[in-house]
Amino acid sequence: MPASSSTFASVKLPVALVDRARQSAQPLRRSVASQIEYWATLGQIVESTGLSVQEARAAIEAHEAQEAQKAPADVLQVDAIAARFLAVEADGSLAQRVREAVAQNRRGATPAKAPA
């Protein structure tokens, strides 16, 4: 096989695995590929260390709990902004505010001069 300039390779994976990765990746804001890489890395660690499934699961849960406590403030702010946006979108006040802003901008705009 010829050498490739890319550091990536394509592989065929079962659709069910890709679907599970997509479902698992979404709440963690990972791509499907990143989720599968994460799972593969965990598998390598488990195999190389000889951990049991239960020990690996406990270690992962402890790590994730620790990471959750370190959540950056900007991520929390983005989540809060997104929640506010969805709330005003759902109750219709976002559309009303946009209409008001457009009307205000139209009132404040000066008509363009016609070319001579």
N, C-alpha and C. Protein backbone atom coordinates (compact mmCIF):
# COMPACT_ATOMS: atom_id res chain seq x y z
N MET A 1 0.86 -1.18 0.00
CA MET A 1 0.00 0.00 0.00
C MET A 1 0.89 1.23 0.00
N PRO A 2 0.64 2.24 -0.84
CA PRO A 2 1.48 3.43 -0.90
C PRO A 2 1.36 4.26 0.36
N ALA A 3 2.43 4.96 0.68
CA ALA A 3 2.44 5.84 1.86
C ALA A 3 1.48 6.99 1.62
N SER A 4 0.79 7.36 2.66
CA SER A 4 -0.19 8.44 2.58
C SER A 4 0.33 9.65 3.33
N SER A 5 -0.01 10.85 2.86
CA SER A 5 0.40 12.06 3.55
C SER A 5 -0.51 12.35 4.74
N SER A 6 -1.63 11.65 4.83
CA SER A 6 -2.58 11.84 5.92
C SER A 6 -2.20 10.97 7.11
N THR A 7 -2.55 11.44 8.30
CA THR A 7 -2.31 10.64 9.50
C THR A 7 -3.56 9.87 9.89
N PHE A 8 -4.53 9.80 9.00
CA PHE A 8 -5.77 9.12 9.28
C PHE A 8 -5.96 7.95 8.30
N ALA A 9 -6.74 6.98 8.72
CA ALA A 9 -7.08 5.86 7.87
C ALA A 9 -8.57 5.61 7.99
N SER A 10 -9.15 5.12 6.93
CA SER A 10 -10.58 4.79 6.95
C SER A 10 -10.74 3.31 7.27
N VAL A 11 -11.75 3.02 8.08
CA VAL A 11 -12.07 1.63 8.40
C VAL A 11 -13.58 1.47 8.35
N LYS A 12 -14.03 0.26 8.11
CA LYS A 12 -15.46 -0.03 8.13
C LYS A 12 -15.81 -0.50 9.54
N LEU A 13 -16.86 0.08 10.08
CA LEU A 13 -17.33 -0.28 11.41
C LEU A 13 -18.80 -0.65 11.33
N PRO A 14 -19.27 -1.52 12.20
CA PRO A 14 -20.69 -1.84 12.21
C PRO A 14 -21.54 -0.60 12.50
N VAL A 15 -22.64 -0.48 11.80
CA VAL A 15 -23.52 0.67 11.96
C VAL A 15 -23.98 0.81 13.41
N ALA A 16 -24.25 -0.30 14.06
CA ALA A 16 -24.71 -0.26 15.46
C ALA A 16 -23.66 0.37 16.36
N LEU A 17 -22.39 0.07 16.14
CA LEU A 17 -21.32 0.66 16.94
C LEU A 17 -21.24 2.17 16.70
N VAL A 18 -21.33 2.58 15.45
CA VAL A 18 -21.28 4.00 15.12
C VAL A 18 -22.48 4.73 15.74
N ASP A 19 -23.65 4.11 15.71
CA ASP A 19 -24.84 4.72 16.31
C ASP A 19 -24.67 4.88 17.83
N ARG A 20 -24.13 3.83 18.48
CA ARG A 20 -23.89 3.92 19.93
C ARG A 20 -22.85 5.01 20.24
N ALA A 21 -21.83 5.11 19.41
CA ALA A 21 -20.81 6.14 19.60
C ALA A 21 -21.43 7.53 19.44
N ARG A 22 -22.30 7.69 18.44
CA ARG A 22 -22.96 8.98 18.22
C ARG A 22 -23.80 9.36 19.44
N GLN A 23 -24.55 8.42 19.98
CA GLN A 23 -25.39 8.68 21.16
C GLN A 23 -24.54 9.02 22.38
N SER A 24 -23.43 8.33 22.55
CA SER A 24 -22.56 8.58 23.69
C SER A 24 -21.77 9.87 23.54
N ALA A 25 -21.43 10.23 22.31
CA ALA A 25 -20.60 11.41 22.06
C ALA A 25 -21.34 12.71 22.25
N GLN A 26 -22.61 12.74 21.89
CA GLN A 26 -23.37 13.99 21.88
C GLN A 26 -23.37 14.72 23.22
N PRO A 27 -23.73 14.07 24.34
CA PRO A 27 -23.74 14.82 25.59
C PRO A 27 -22.35 15.27 26.04
N LEU A 28 -21.33 14.61 25.54
CA LEU A 28 -19.96 14.95 25.92
C LEU A 28 -19.30 15.90 24.94
N ARG A 29 -20.05 16.30 23.92
CA ARG A 29 -19.57 17.21 22.89
C ARG A 29 -18.32 16.66 22.19
N ARG A 30 -18.35 15.37 21.91
CA ARG A 30 -17.29 14.72 21.15
C ARG A 30 -17.83 14.38 19.77
N SER A 31 -16.92 14.26 18.82
CA SER A 31 -17.31 13.74 17.51
C SER A 31 -17.44 12.23 17.63
N VAL A 32 -18.08 11.61 16.64
CA VAL A 32 -18.21 10.15 16.64
C VAL A 32 -16.81 9.53 16.62
N ALA A 33 -15.93 10.07 15.77
CA ALA A 33 -14.56 9.53 15.68
C ALA A 33 -13.84 9.67 17.03
N SER A 34 -14.00 10.81 17.68
CA SER A 34 -13.34 11.00 18.98
C SER A 34 -13.88 10.03 20.02
N GLN A 35 -15.19 9.77 19.97
CA GLN A 35 -15.78 8.82 20.92
C GLN A 35 -15.21 7.42 20.71
N ILE A 36 -15.10 7.01 19.46
CA ILE A 36 -14.55 5.68 19.16
C ILE A 36 -13.07 5.62 19.56
N GLU A 37 -12.31 6.71 19.31
CA GLU A 37 -10.92 6.76 19.76
C GLU A 37 -10.84 6.62 21.28
N TYR A 38 -11.75 7.30 21.98
CA TYR A 38 -11.78 7.24 23.44
C TYR A 38 -12.00 5.79 23.89
N TRP A 39 -12.99 5.15 23.28
CA TRP A 39 -13.26 3.76 23.64
C TRP A 39 -12.07 2.86 23.33
N ALA A 40 -11.42 3.08 22.21
CA ALA A 40 -10.26 2.27 21.83
C ALA A 40 -9.12 2.47 22.82
N THR A 41 -8.90 3.71 23.24
CA THR A 41 -7.85 4.00 24.22
C THR A 41 -8.15 3.30 25.54
N LEU A 42 -9.40 3.36 25.96
CA LEU A 42 -9.77 2.67 27.19
C LEU A 42 -9.53 1.17 27.08
N GLY A 43 -9.87 0.61 25.94
CA GLY A 43 -9.65 -0.81 25.72
C GLY A 43 -8.17 -1.17 25.78
N GLN A 44 -7.32 -0.33 25.20
CA GLN A 44 -5.88 -0.56 25.25
C GLN A 44 -5.38 -0.52 26.69
N ILE A 45 -5.86 0.45 27.45
CA ILE A 45 -5.43 0.58 28.84
C ILE A 45 -5.85 -0.64 29.64
N VAL A 46 -7.09 -1.05 29.46
CA VAL A 46 -7.60 -2.21 30.20
C VAL A 46 -6.79 -3.45 29.85
N GLU A 47 -6.55 -3.67 28.56
CA GLU A 47 -5.79 -4.85 28.15
C GLU A 47 -4.36 -4.82 28.67
N SER A 48 -3.70 -3.66 28.59
CA SER A 48 -2.29 -3.59 28.98
C SER A 48 -2.08 -3.65 30.48
N THR A 49 -3.06 -3.23 31.26
CA THR A 49 -2.91 -3.23 32.72
C THR A 49 -3.51 -4.45 33.38
N GLY A 50 -4.33 -5.20 32.65
CA GLY A 50 -4.95 -6.39 33.23
C GLY A 50 -6.09 -6.06 34.18
N LEU A 51 -6.65 -4.85 34.07
CA LEU A 51 -7.79 -4.49 34.92
C LEU A 51 -8.99 -5.35 34.59
N SER A 52 -9.79 -5.62 35.61
CA SER A 52 -11.06 -6.28 35.35
C SER A 52 -12.03 -5.22 34.84
N VAL A 53 -13.13 -5.67 34.28
CA VAL A 53 -14.14 -4.73 33.78
C VAL A 53 -14.64 -3.84 34.92
N GLN A 54 -14.87 -4.43 36.08
CA GLN A 54 -15.37 -3.67 37.23
C GLN A 54 -14.34 -2.63 37.67
N GLU A 55 -13.06 -3.01 37.71
CA GLU A 55 -12.01 -2.06 38.11
C GLU A 55 -11.90 -0.92 37.09
N ALA A 56 -11.97 -1.26 35.82
CA ALA A 56 -11.90 -0.24 34.78
C ALA A 56 -13.08 0.70 34.89
N ARG A 57 -14.28 0.16 35.07
CA ARG A 57 -15.48 0.98 35.20
C ARG A 57 -15.37 1.93 36.39
N ALA A 58 -14.90 1.44 37.52
CA ALA A 58 -14.75 2.28 38.72
C ALA A 58 -13.72 3.38 38.47
N ALA A 59 -12.62 3.06 37.81
CA ALA A 59 -11.60 4.06 37.52
C ALA A 59 -12.13 5.13 36.57
N ILE A 60 -12.90 4.72 35.57
CA ILE A 60 -13.48 5.68 34.63
C ILE A 60 -14.47 6.59 35.34
N GLU A 61 -15.32 6.03 36.15
CA GLU A 61 -16.31 6.84 36.88
C GLU A 61 -15.63 7.84 37.79
N ALA A 62 -14.57 7.42 38.47
CA ALA A 62 -13.83 8.34 39.35
C ALA A 62 -13.19 9.46 38.54
N HIS A 63 -12.62 9.10 37.39
CA HIS A 63 -11.99 10.11 36.53
C HIS A 63 -13.02 11.10 36.00
N GLU A 64 -14.14 10.59 35.52
CA GLU A 64 -15.17 11.48 34.98
C GLU A 64 -15.76 12.39 36.04
N ALA A 65 -15.92 11.88 37.26
CA ALA A 65 -16.42 12.72 38.35
C ALA A 65 -15.43 13.83 38.66
N GLN A 66 -14.16 13.50 38.64
CA GLN A 66 -13.11 14.49 38.89
C GLN A 66 -13.10 15.54 37.79
N GLU A 67 -13.23 15.12 36.53
CA GLU A 67 -13.25 16.05 35.41
C GLU A 67 -14.47 16.95 35.45
N ALA A 68 -15.60 16.41 35.87
CA ALA A 68 -16.84 17.21 35.94
C ALA A 68 -16.70 18.34 36.95
N GLN A 69 -15.95 18.12 38.00
CA GLN A 69 -15.73 19.16 39.00
C GLN A 69 -14.84 20.27 38.47
N LYS A 70 -14.05 19.97 37.45
CA LYS A 70 -13.14 20.96 36.87
C LYS A 70 -13.78 21.70 35.70
N ALA A 71 -15.08 21.56 35.47
CA ALA A 71 -15.73 22.17 34.31
C ALA A 71 -15.42 23.66 34.26
N PRO A 72 -14.88 24.14 33.15
CA PRO A 72 -14.55 25.55 33.04
C PRO A 72 -15.80 26.43 33.08
N ALA A 73 -15.64 27.61 33.64
CA ALA A 73 -16.77 28.53 33.78
C ALA A 73 -17.36 28.90 32.43
N ASP A 74 -16.52 29.01 31.38
CA ASP A 74 -17.05 29.41 30.08
C ASP A 74 -17.98 28.35 29.50
N VAL A 75 -17.73 27.07 29.78
CA VAL A 75 -18.64 26.02 29.32
C VAL A 75 -19.98 26.17 30.02
N LEU A 76 -19.94 26.44 31.32
CA LEU A 76 -21.18 26.64 32.07
C LEU A 76 -21.92 27.87 31.56
N GLN A 77 -21.20 28.94 31.21
CA GLN A 77 -21.84 30.14 30.68
C GLN A 77 -22.49 29.84 29.32
N VAL A 78 -21.81 29.12 28.47
CA VAL A 78 -22.37 28.77 27.17
C VAL A 78 -23.64 27.96 27.36
N ASP A 79 -23.61 27.01 28.28
CA ASP A 79 -24.81 26.21 28.55
C ASP A 79 -25.95 27.10 29.04
N ALA A 80 -25.65 28.07 29.90
CA ALA A 80 -26.68 28.98 30.41
C ALA A 80 -27.25 29.85 29.29
N ILE A 81 -26.38 30.34 28.42
CA ILE A 81 -26.83 31.17 27.29
C ILE A 81 -27.70 30.34 26.36
N ALA A 82 -27.26 29.12 26.07
CA ALA A 82 -28.05 28.26 25.20
C ALA A 82 -29.41 27.97 25.80
N ALA A 83 -29.47 27.74 27.10
CA ALA A 83 -30.75 27.47 27.77
C ALA A 83 -31.66 28.70 27.68
N ARG A 84 -31.10 29.89 27.91
CA ARG A 84 -31.91 31.12 27.81
C ARG A 84 -32.41 31.32 26.39
N PHE A 85 -31.55 31.07 25.41
CA PHE A 85 -31.94 31.21 24.01
C PHE A 85 -33.10 30.27 23.68
N LEU A 86 -32.98 29.01 24.08
CA LEU A 86 -34.04 28.05 23.80
C LEU A 86 -35.35 28.44 24.49
N ALA A 87 -35.25 29.00 25.69
CA ALA A 87 -36.45 29.40 26.42
C ALA A 87 -37.17 30.54 25.71
N VAL A 88 -36.42 31.58 25.29
CA VAL A 88 -37.07 32.71 24.62
C VAL A 88 -37.53 32.34 23.21
N GLU A 89 -36.85 31.38 22.61
CA GLU A 89 -37.31 30.90 21.30
C GLU A 89 -38.63 30.16 21.45
N ALA A 90 -38.72 29.35 22.49
CA ALA A 90 -39.93 28.55 22.71
C ALA A 90 -41.13 29.41 23.07
N ASP A 91 -40.92 30.48 23.83
CA ASP A 91 -42.08 31.29 24.25
C ASP A 91 -42.43 32.40 23.26
N GLY A 92 -41.66 32.52 22.17
CA GLY A 92 -41.98 33.50 21.14
C GLY A 92 -41.40 34.88 21.38
N SER A 93 -40.82 35.11 22.54
CA SER A 93 -40.30 36.45 22.82
C SER A 93 -39.05 36.77 22.00
N LEU A 94 -38.33 35.76 21.56
CA LEU A 94 -37.16 36.00 20.71
C LEU A 94 -37.61 36.59 19.38
N ALA A 95 -38.60 35.97 18.76
CA ALA A 95 -39.10 36.48 17.49
C ALA A 95 -39.63 37.90 17.64
N GLN A 96 -40.34 38.16 18.73
CA GLN A 96 -40.87 39.51 18.97
C GLN A 96 -39.75 40.52 19.12
N ARG A 97 -38.71 40.16 19.85
CA ARG A 97 -37.57 41.08 20.05
C ARG A 97 -36.85 41.35 18.73
N VAL A 98 -36.73 40.33 17.89
CA VAL A 98 -36.09 40.52 16.58
C VAL A 98 -36.93 41.47 15.73
N ARG A 99 -38.26 41.29 15.74
CA ARG A 99 -39.14 42.20 14.98
C ARG A 99 -38.99 43.64 15.47
N GLU A 100 -38.92 43.82 16.78
CA GLU A 100 -38.75 45.16 17.34
C GLU A 100 -37.42 45.77 16.93
N ALA A 101 -36.36 44.99 16.97
CA ALA A 101 -35.04 45.50 16.59
C ALA A 101 -35.00 45.88 15.11
N VAL A 102 -35.61 45.08 14.26
CA VAL A 102 -35.65 45.38 12.83
C VAL A 102 -36.44 46.67 12.60
N ALA A 103 -37.59 46.81 13.24
CA ALA A 103 -38.40 48.02 13.08
C ALA A 103 -37.63 49.25 13.56
N GLN A 104 -36.96 49.12 14.69
CA GLN A 104 -36.18 50.24 15.23
C GLN A 104 -35.04 50.62 14.27
N ASN A 105 -34.39 49.63 13.71
CA ASN A 105 -33.30 49.90 12.76
C ASN A 105 -33.83 50.57 11.50
N ARG A 106 -35.02 50.16 11.06
CA ARG A 106 -35.61 50.78 9.87
C ARG A 106 -35.97 52.24 10.13
N ARG A 107 -36.50 52.51 11.31
CA ARG A 107 -36.84 53.89 11.65
C ARG A 107 -35.59 54.77 11.72
N GLY A 108 -34.48 54.21 12.19
CA GLY A 108 -33.26 54.98 12.35
C GLY A 108 -32.42 55.07 11.10
N ALA A 109 -32.72 54.27 10.10
CA ALA A 109 -31.92 54.27 8.87
C ALA A 109 -32.26 55.49 8.04
N THR A 110 -31.23 56.07 7.45
CA THR A 110 -31.47 57.22 6.54
C THR A 110 -31.61 56.67 5.13
N PRO A 111 -32.55 57.21 4.37
CA PRO A 111 -32.72 56.72 3.00
C PRO A 111 -31.46 57.00 2.17
N ALA A 112 -31.13 56.06 1.32
CA ALA A 112 -29.98 56.22 0.44
C ALA A 112 -30.30 57.29 -0.61
N LYS A 113 -29.29 58.11 -0.92
CA LYS A 113 -29.48 59.14 -1.94
C LYS A 113 -29.45 58.50 -3.31
N ALA A 114 -30.35 58.96 -4.18
CA ALA A 114 -30.38 58.45 -5.54
C ALA A 114 -29.19 58.98 -6.30
N PRO A 115 -28.55 58.14 -7.13
CA PRO A 115 -27.39 58.63 -7.91
C PRO A 115 -27.82 59.71 -8.89
N ALA A 116 -26.96 60.69 -9.06
CA ALA A 116 -27.28 61.83 -9.95
C ALA A 116 -27.03 61.51 -11.38
